[in-house]
Amino acid sequence: MKGKVFKAMMTATLFLVAHVAMAAPGYVHVTNVSKLHYQVFAGGTVFFRNLNEFDAAVTGCCYAFALDTTTAGGSVMWSTILMKMASGGDLYLYVSERNPPTSGNAATIQHLGNW
């Protein structure tokens, strides 16, 4: 019986560690920003659709990553992204969560740059 309990506890611990690692914030290196897909909404939110093509460890598709362009910081970041799209340059995006759901509670792009 002790062996089964230990095995169950280890399985639960590994699941929790994996879940926390997946939900963690982090950087996504977009190697060619001109290939970034996005959708802009009238309220000023931009959703990025294919970050998984640049980093397979992040959620792919749809409404998982968002940038609020109505704030001063968001408008500066959006301008930077558009400039990088035009030049085909690369950019690092810091997202609040690497594996958010694809609908509701989108991860946010908190800062970006090249250093």
N, C-alpha and C. Protein backbone atom coordinates (compact mmCIF):
# COMPACT_ATOMS: atom_id res chain seq x y z
N MET A 1 0.82 -1.19 0.00
CA MET A 1 0.00 0.00 0.00
C MET A 1 0.87 1.26 0.00
N LYS A 2 1.98 1.25 0.76
CA LYS A 2 2.86 2.42 0.82
C LYS A 2 3.43 2.74 -0.55
N GLY A 3 3.75 1.71 -1.32
CA GLY A 3 4.30 1.91 -2.66
C GLY A 3 3.32 2.61 -3.58
N LYS A 4 2.05 2.26 -3.50
CA LYS A 4 1.02 2.89 -4.34
C LYS A 4 0.82 4.35 -3.95
N VAL A 5 0.83 4.62 -2.66
CA VAL A 5 0.66 5.99 -2.19
C VAL A 5 1.84 6.84 -2.64
N PHE A 6 3.05 6.30 -2.48
CA PHE A 6 4.25 7.02 -2.91
C PHE A 6 4.21 7.29 -4.41
N LYS A 7 3.83 6.30 -5.19
CA LYS A 7 3.76 6.45 -6.64
C LYS A 7 2.72 7.52 -7.02
N ALA A 8 1.58 7.50 -6.35
CA ALA A 8 0.54 8.49 -6.62
C ALA A 8 1.03 9.89 -6.26
N MET A 9 1.74 10.01 -5.14
CA MET A 9 2.26 11.32 -4.73
C MET A 9 3.31 11.82 -5.72
N MET A 10 4.16 10.94 -6.19
CA MET A 10 5.19 11.33 -7.16
C MET A 10 4.56 11.75 -8.47
N THR A 11 3.54 11.03 -8.91
CA THR A 11 2.84 11.38 -10.15
C THR A 11 2.20 12.75 -10.02
N ALA A 12 1.54 13.00 -8.90
CA ALA A 12 0.90 14.30 -8.66
C ALA A 12 1.93 15.42 -8.62
N THR A 13 3.07 15.17 -8.00
CA THR A 13 4.13 16.17 -7.92
C THR A 13 4.68 16.49 -9.30
N LEU A 14 4.94 15.47 -10.10
CA LEU A 14 5.45 15.68 -11.45
C LEU A 14 4.45 16.45 -12.30
N PHE A 15 3.17 16.13 -12.16
CA PHE A 15 2.13 16.84 -12.90
C PHE A 15 2.11 18.31 -12.50
N LEU A 16 2.20 18.59 -11.21
CA LEU A 16 2.18 19.96 -10.72
C LEU A 16 3.40 20.74 -11.22
N VAL A 17 4.56 20.14 -11.16
CA VAL A 17 5.78 20.79 -11.64
C VAL A 17 5.68 21.08 -13.13
N ALA A 18 5.18 20.12 -13.90
CA ALA A 18 5.03 20.33 -15.34
C ALA A 18 4.03 21.44 -15.62
N HIS A 19 2.94 21.47 -14.88
CA HIS A 19 1.92 22.50 -15.08
C HIS A 19 2.48 23.89 -14.75
N VAL A 20 3.19 24.02 -13.66
CA VAL A 20 3.78 25.30 -13.28
C VAL A 20 4.80 25.74 -14.33
N ALA A 21 5.60 24.82 -14.83
CA ALA A 21 6.60 25.15 -15.84
C ALA A 21 5.93 25.64 -17.12
N MET A 22 4.82 25.02 -17.50
CA MET A 22 4.12 25.41 -18.72
C MET A 22 3.45 26.77 -18.55
N ALA A 23 2.95 27.06 -17.35
CA ALA A 23 2.21 28.28 -17.10
C ALA A 23 3.12 29.47 -16.83
N ALA A 24 4.37 29.25 -16.75
CA ALA A 24 5.32 30.31 -16.38
C ALA A 24 5.44 31.37 -17.49
N PRO A 25 5.76 32.60 -17.08
CA PRO A 25 6.03 33.63 -18.08
C PRO A 25 7.37 33.37 -18.75
N GLY A 26 7.63 34.06 -19.83
CA GLY A 26 8.92 33.90 -20.48
C GLY A 26 9.01 34.62 -21.80
N TYR A 27 10.16 34.51 -22.42
CA TYR A 27 10.43 35.17 -23.69
C TYR A 27 10.10 34.27 -24.87
N VAL A 28 9.63 34.89 -25.93
CA VAL A 28 9.45 34.22 -27.22
C VAL A 28 10.29 35.01 -28.21
N HIS A 29 11.23 34.34 -28.85
CA HIS A 29 12.09 35.00 -29.84
C HIS A 29 11.43 34.86 -31.21
N VAL A 30 10.90 35.96 -31.71
CA VAL A 30 10.29 35.98 -33.04
C VAL A 30 11.42 36.34 -34.00
N THR A 31 11.85 35.36 -34.76
CA THR A 31 13.05 35.53 -35.60
C THR A 31 12.81 36.38 -36.84
N ASN A 32 11.57 36.45 -37.31
CA ASN A 32 11.23 37.30 -38.45
C ASN A 32 9.83 37.85 -38.20
N VAL A 33 9.75 39.06 -37.70
CA VAL A 33 8.47 39.63 -37.26
C VAL A 33 7.50 39.78 -38.44
N SER A 34 8.00 39.85 -39.67
CA SER A 34 7.10 39.97 -40.83
C SER A 34 6.23 38.71 -40.99
N LYS A 35 6.61 37.63 -40.34
CA LYS A 35 5.83 36.38 -40.42
C LYS A 35 4.86 36.22 -39.26
N LEU A 36 4.77 37.23 -38.41
CA LEU A 36 3.88 37.19 -37.26
C LEU A 36 2.45 37.47 -37.71
N HIS A 37 1.52 36.60 -37.32
CA HIS A 37 0.11 36.79 -37.65
C HIS A 37 -0.59 37.45 -36.47
N TYR A 38 -1.50 38.36 -36.78
CA TYR A 38 -2.18 39.09 -35.72
C TYR A 38 -3.59 39.46 -36.17
N GLN A 39 -4.39 39.85 -35.19
CA GLN A 39 -5.74 40.34 -35.45
C GLN A 39 -5.97 41.53 -34.53
N VAL A 40 -6.39 42.66 -35.11
CA VAL A 40 -6.63 43.88 -34.36
C VAL A 40 -8.13 44.05 -34.15
N PHE A 41 -8.52 44.36 -32.91
CA PHE A 41 -9.92 44.61 -32.59
C PHE A 41 -10.15 46.11 -32.43
N ALA A 42 -11.38 46.55 -32.67
CA ALA A 42 -11.73 47.98 -32.64
C ALA A 42 -11.41 48.62 -31.29
N GLY A 43 -11.46 47.87 -30.20
CA GLY A 43 -11.17 48.41 -28.89
C GLY A 43 -9.70 48.66 -28.62
N GLY A 44 -8.83 48.25 -29.54
CA GLY A 44 -7.41 48.51 -29.39
C GLY A 44 -6.57 47.31 -28.97
N THR A 45 -7.18 46.14 -28.87
CA THR A 45 -6.40 44.95 -28.50
C THR A 45 -5.93 44.24 -29.76
N VAL A 46 -4.65 43.87 -29.76
CA VAL A 46 -4.08 43.08 -30.85
C VAL A 46 -3.82 41.69 -30.30
N PHE A 47 -4.33 40.67 -30.99
CA PHE A 47 -4.08 39.28 -30.61
C PHE A 47 -3.09 38.68 -31.60
N PHE A 48 -2.10 37.98 -31.09
CA PHE A 48 -1.08 37.33 -31.92
C PHE A 48 -1.42 35.85 -32.04
N ARG A 49 -1.33 35.34 -33.26
CA ARG A 49 -1.92 34.05 -33.57
C ARG A 49 -0.93 32.90 -33.76
N ASN A 50 0.32 33.15 -33.98
CA ASN A 50 1.21 32.05 -34.35
C ASN A 50 2.57 32.09 -33.64
N LEU A 51 2.59 32.48 -32.39
CA LEU A 51 3.86 32.50 -31.66
C LEU A 51 4.49 31.12 -31.57
N ASN A 52 3.67 30.08 -31.64
CA ASN A 52 4.19 28.71 -31.59
C ASN A 52 5.06 28.37 -32.79
N GLU A 53 4.95 29.10 -33.87
CA GLU A 53 5.82 28.86 -35.02
C GLU A 53 7.25 29.33 -34.76
N PHE A 54 7.42 30.17 -33.77
CA PHE A 54 8.74 30.67 -33.40
C PHE A 54 9.29 29.97 -32.16
N ASP A 55 8.40 29.42 -31.35
CA ASP A 55 8.78 28.69 -30.14
C ASP A 55 7.71 27.62 -29.91
N ALA A 56 8.05 26.38 -30.20
CA ALA A 56 7.09 25.28 -30.11
C ALA A 56 6.57 25.04 -28.69
N ALA A 57 7.20 25.63 -27.70
CA ALA A 57 6.79 25.41 -26.31
C ALA A 57 5.66 26.34 -25.87
N VAL A 58 5.22 27.25 -26.74
CA VAL A 58 4.13 28.16 -26.36
C VAL A 58 2.85 27.76 -27.08
N THR A 59 1.72 28.22 -26.53
CA THR A 59 0.41 27.95 -27.11
C THR A 59 0.35 28.49 -28.53
N GLY A 60 -0.28 27.74 -29.40
CA GLY A 60 -0.49 28.21 -30.76
C GLY A 60 -1.92 28.66 -30.97
N CYS A 61 -2.12 29.46 -31.95
CA CYS A 61 -3.42 29.88 -32.44
C CYS A 61 -4.13 30.94 -31.61
N CYS A 62 -4.87 31.60 -32.27
CA CYS A 62 -6.04 32.40 -31.89
C CYS A 62 -5.82 33.49 -30.86
N TYR A 63 -6.53 33.43 -29.78
CA TYR A 63 -6.61 34.55 -28.84
C TYR A 63 -5.81 34.29 -27.57
N ALA A 64 -4.65 33.71 -27.68
CA ALA A 64 -3.86 33.33 -26.52
C ALA A 64 -2.94 34.46 -26.04
N PHE A 65 -2.50 35.34 -26.93
CA PHE A 65 -1.55 36.40 -26.57
C PHE A 65 -2.08 37.74 -27.04
N ALA A 66 -2.08 38.72 -26.15
CA ALA A 66 -2.69 40.01 -26.46
C ALA A 66 -1.79 41.18 -26.10
N LEU A 67 -1.99 42.27 -26.81
CA LEU A 67 -1.31 43.53 -26.53
C LEU A 67 -2.38 44.62 -26.54
N ASP A 68 -2.46 45.39 -25.46
CA ASP A 68 -3.40 46.49 -25.35
C ASP A 68 -2.73 47.75 -25.89
N THR A 69 -3.16 48.20 -27.06
CA THR A 69 -2.52 49.36 -27.69
C THR A 69 -3.10 50.68 -27.20
N THR A 70 -4.06 50.65 -26.27
CA THR A 70 -4.66 51.90 -25.76
C THR A 70 -3.82 52.53 -24.65
N THR A 71 -2.82 51.82 -24.17
CA THR A 71 -1.94 52.39 -23.15
C THR A 71 -0.70 52.98 -23.83
N ALA A 72 -0.01 53.85 -23.12
CA ALA A 72 1.21 54.45 -23.68
C ALA A 72 2.24 53.37 -24.01
N GLY A 73 2.46 52.45 -23.09
CA GLY A 73 3.42 51.37 -23.34
C GLY A 73 2.98 50.46 -24.47
N GLY A 74 1.70 50.15 -24.51
CA GLY A 74 1.18 49.27 -25.56
C GLY A 74 1.31 49.89 -26.94
N SER A 75 1.07 51.20 -27.05
CA SER A 75 1.20 51.84 -28.36
C SER A 75 2.66 51.89 -28.81
N VAL A 76 3.58 52.07 -27.87
CA VAL A 76 5.01 52.05 -28.22
C VAL A 76 5.42 50.65 -28.67
N MET A 77 4.96 49.63 -27.95
CA MET A 77 5.29 48.25 -28.33
C MET A 77 4.71 47.91 -29.70
N TRP A 78 3.45 48.32 -29.96
CA TRP A 78 2.83 48.04 -31.25
C TRP A 78 3.59 48.74 -32.37
N SER A 79 4.02 49.97 -32.15
CA SER A 79 4.83 50.69 -33.15
C SER A 79 6.13 49.96 -33.44
N THR A 80 6.75 49.44 -32.39
CA THR A 80 8.00 48.69 -32.56
C THR A 80 7.75 47.42 -33.36
N ILE A 81 6.67 46.72 -33.05
CA ILE A 81 6.34 45.50 -33.78
C ILE A 81 6.10 45.81 -35.26
N LEU A 82 5.34 46.87 -35.54
CA LEU A 82 5.08 47.24 -36.94
C LEU A 82 6.36 47.59 -37.68
N MET A 83 7.27 48.30 -37.01
CA MET A 83 8.56 48.64 -37.62
C MET A 83 9.34 47.36 -37.94
N LYS A 84 9.35 46.43 -36.99
CA LYS A 84 10.07 45.17 -37.21
C LYS A 84 9.40 44.33 -38.30
N MET A 85 8.07 44.44 -38.42
CA MET A 85 7.37 43.74 -39.51
C MET A 85 7.83 44.26 -40.86
N ALA A 86 7.95 45.58 -40.96
CA ALA A 86 8.36 46.19 -42.22
C ALA A 86 9.78 45.81 -42.61
N SER A 87 10.65 45.66 -41.61
CA SER A 87 12.05 45.37 -41.91
C SER A 87 12.36 43.87 -41.90
N GLY A 88 11.45 43.05 -41.38
CA GLY A 88 11.70 41.62 -41.29
C GLY A 88 12.69 41.27 -40.19
N GLY A 89 12.85 42.19 -39.24
CA GLY A 89 13.80 41.96 -38.15
C GLY A 89 13.28 40.99 -37.10
N ASP A 90 14.12 40.74 -36.12
CA ASP A 90 13.74 39.84 -35.03
C ASP A 90 13.41 40.66 -33.80
N LEU A 91 12.73 40.00 -32.84
CA LEU A 91 12.29 40.69 -31.64
C LEU A 91 12.01 39.67 -30.56
N TYR A 92 12.33 39.99 -29.32
CA TYR A 92 11.99 39.16 -28.18
C TYR A 92 10.74 39.74 -27.52
N LEU A 93 9.71 38.90 -27.35
CA LEU A 93 8.49 39.29 -26.66
C LEU A 93 8.45 38.59 -25.32
N TYR A 94 8.19 39.33 -24.26
CA TYR A 94 8.03 38.73 -22.94
C TYR A 94 6.54 38.58 -22.68
N VAL A 95 6.09 37.34 -22.52
CA VAL A 95 4.67 37.07 -22.31
C VAL A 95 4.42 36.66 -20.86
N SER A 96 3.26 37.05 -20.36
CA SER A 96 2.92 36.79 -18.96
C SER A 96 2.70 35.31 -18.67
N GLU A 97 2.42 34.54 -19.70
CA GLU A 97 2.24 33.09 -19.55
C GLU A 97 2.54 32.44 -20.90
N ARG A 98 3.32 31.38 -20.88
CA ARG A 98 3.72 30.73 -22.13
C ARG A 98 2.65 29.81 -22.70
N ASN A 99 1.75 29.33 -21.86
CA ASN A 99 0.71 28.40 -22.32
C ASN A 99 -0.68 28.79 -21.83
N PRO A 100 -1.16 29.96 -22.24
CA PRO A 100 -2.51 30.36 -21.84
C PRO A 100 -3.57 29.64 -22.67
N PRO A 101 -4.82 29.70 -22.24
CA PRO A 101 -5.90 29.12 -23.05
C PRO A 101 -6.06 29.93 -24.34
N THR A 102 -6.67 29.33 -25.35
CA THR A 102 -6.84 30.02 -26.63
C THR A 102 -8.14 30.82 -26.69
N SER A 103 -8.85 30.90 -25.61
CA SER A 103 -10.01 31.80 -25.55
C SER A 103 -10.19 32.22 -24.10
N GLY A 104 -10.30 33.50 -23.87
CA GLY A 104 -10.44 34.01 -22.52
C GLY A 104 -9.12 34.03 -21.78
N ASN A 105 -8.91 35.06 -21.00
CA ASN A 105 -7.70 35.19 -20.17
C ASN A 105 -6.42 35.09 -20.98
N ALA A 106 -6.33 35.86 -22.02
CA ALA A 106 -5.12 35.84 -22.86
C ALA A 106 -3.91 36.28 -22.06
N ALA A 107 -2.77 35.70 -22.36
CA ALA A 107 -1.51 36.17 -21.79
C ALA A 107 -1.21 37.53 -22.42
N THR A 108 -0.54 38.38 -21.67
CA THR A 108 -0.23 39.70 -22.20
C THR A 108 1.24 39.80 -22.57
N ILE A 109 1.50 40.62 -23.54
CA ILE A 109 2.89 40.95 -23.89
C ILE A 109 3.27 42.09 -22.98
N GLN A 110 4.22 41.84 -22.09
CA GLN A 110 4.54 42.80 -21.04
C GLN A 110 5.70 43.71 -21.39
N HIS A 111 6.64 43.22 -22.16
CA HIS A 111 7.71 44.06 -22.69
C HIS A 111 8.35 43.34 -23.85
N LEU A 112 9.13 44.08 -24.62
CA LEU A 112 9.78 43.49 -25.79
C LEU A 112 11.04 44.25 -26.10
N GLY A 113 11.87 43.66 -26.93
CA GLY A 113 13.08 44.35 -27.33
C GLY A 113 14.15 43.40 -27.85
N ASN A 114 15.27 43.96 -28.16
CA ASN A 114 16.47 43.20 -28.56
C ASN A 114 17.62 43.72 -27.71
N TRP A 115 18.36 42.82 -27.10
CA TRP A 115 19.48 43.23 -26.24
C TRP A 115 20.61 42.26 -26.37
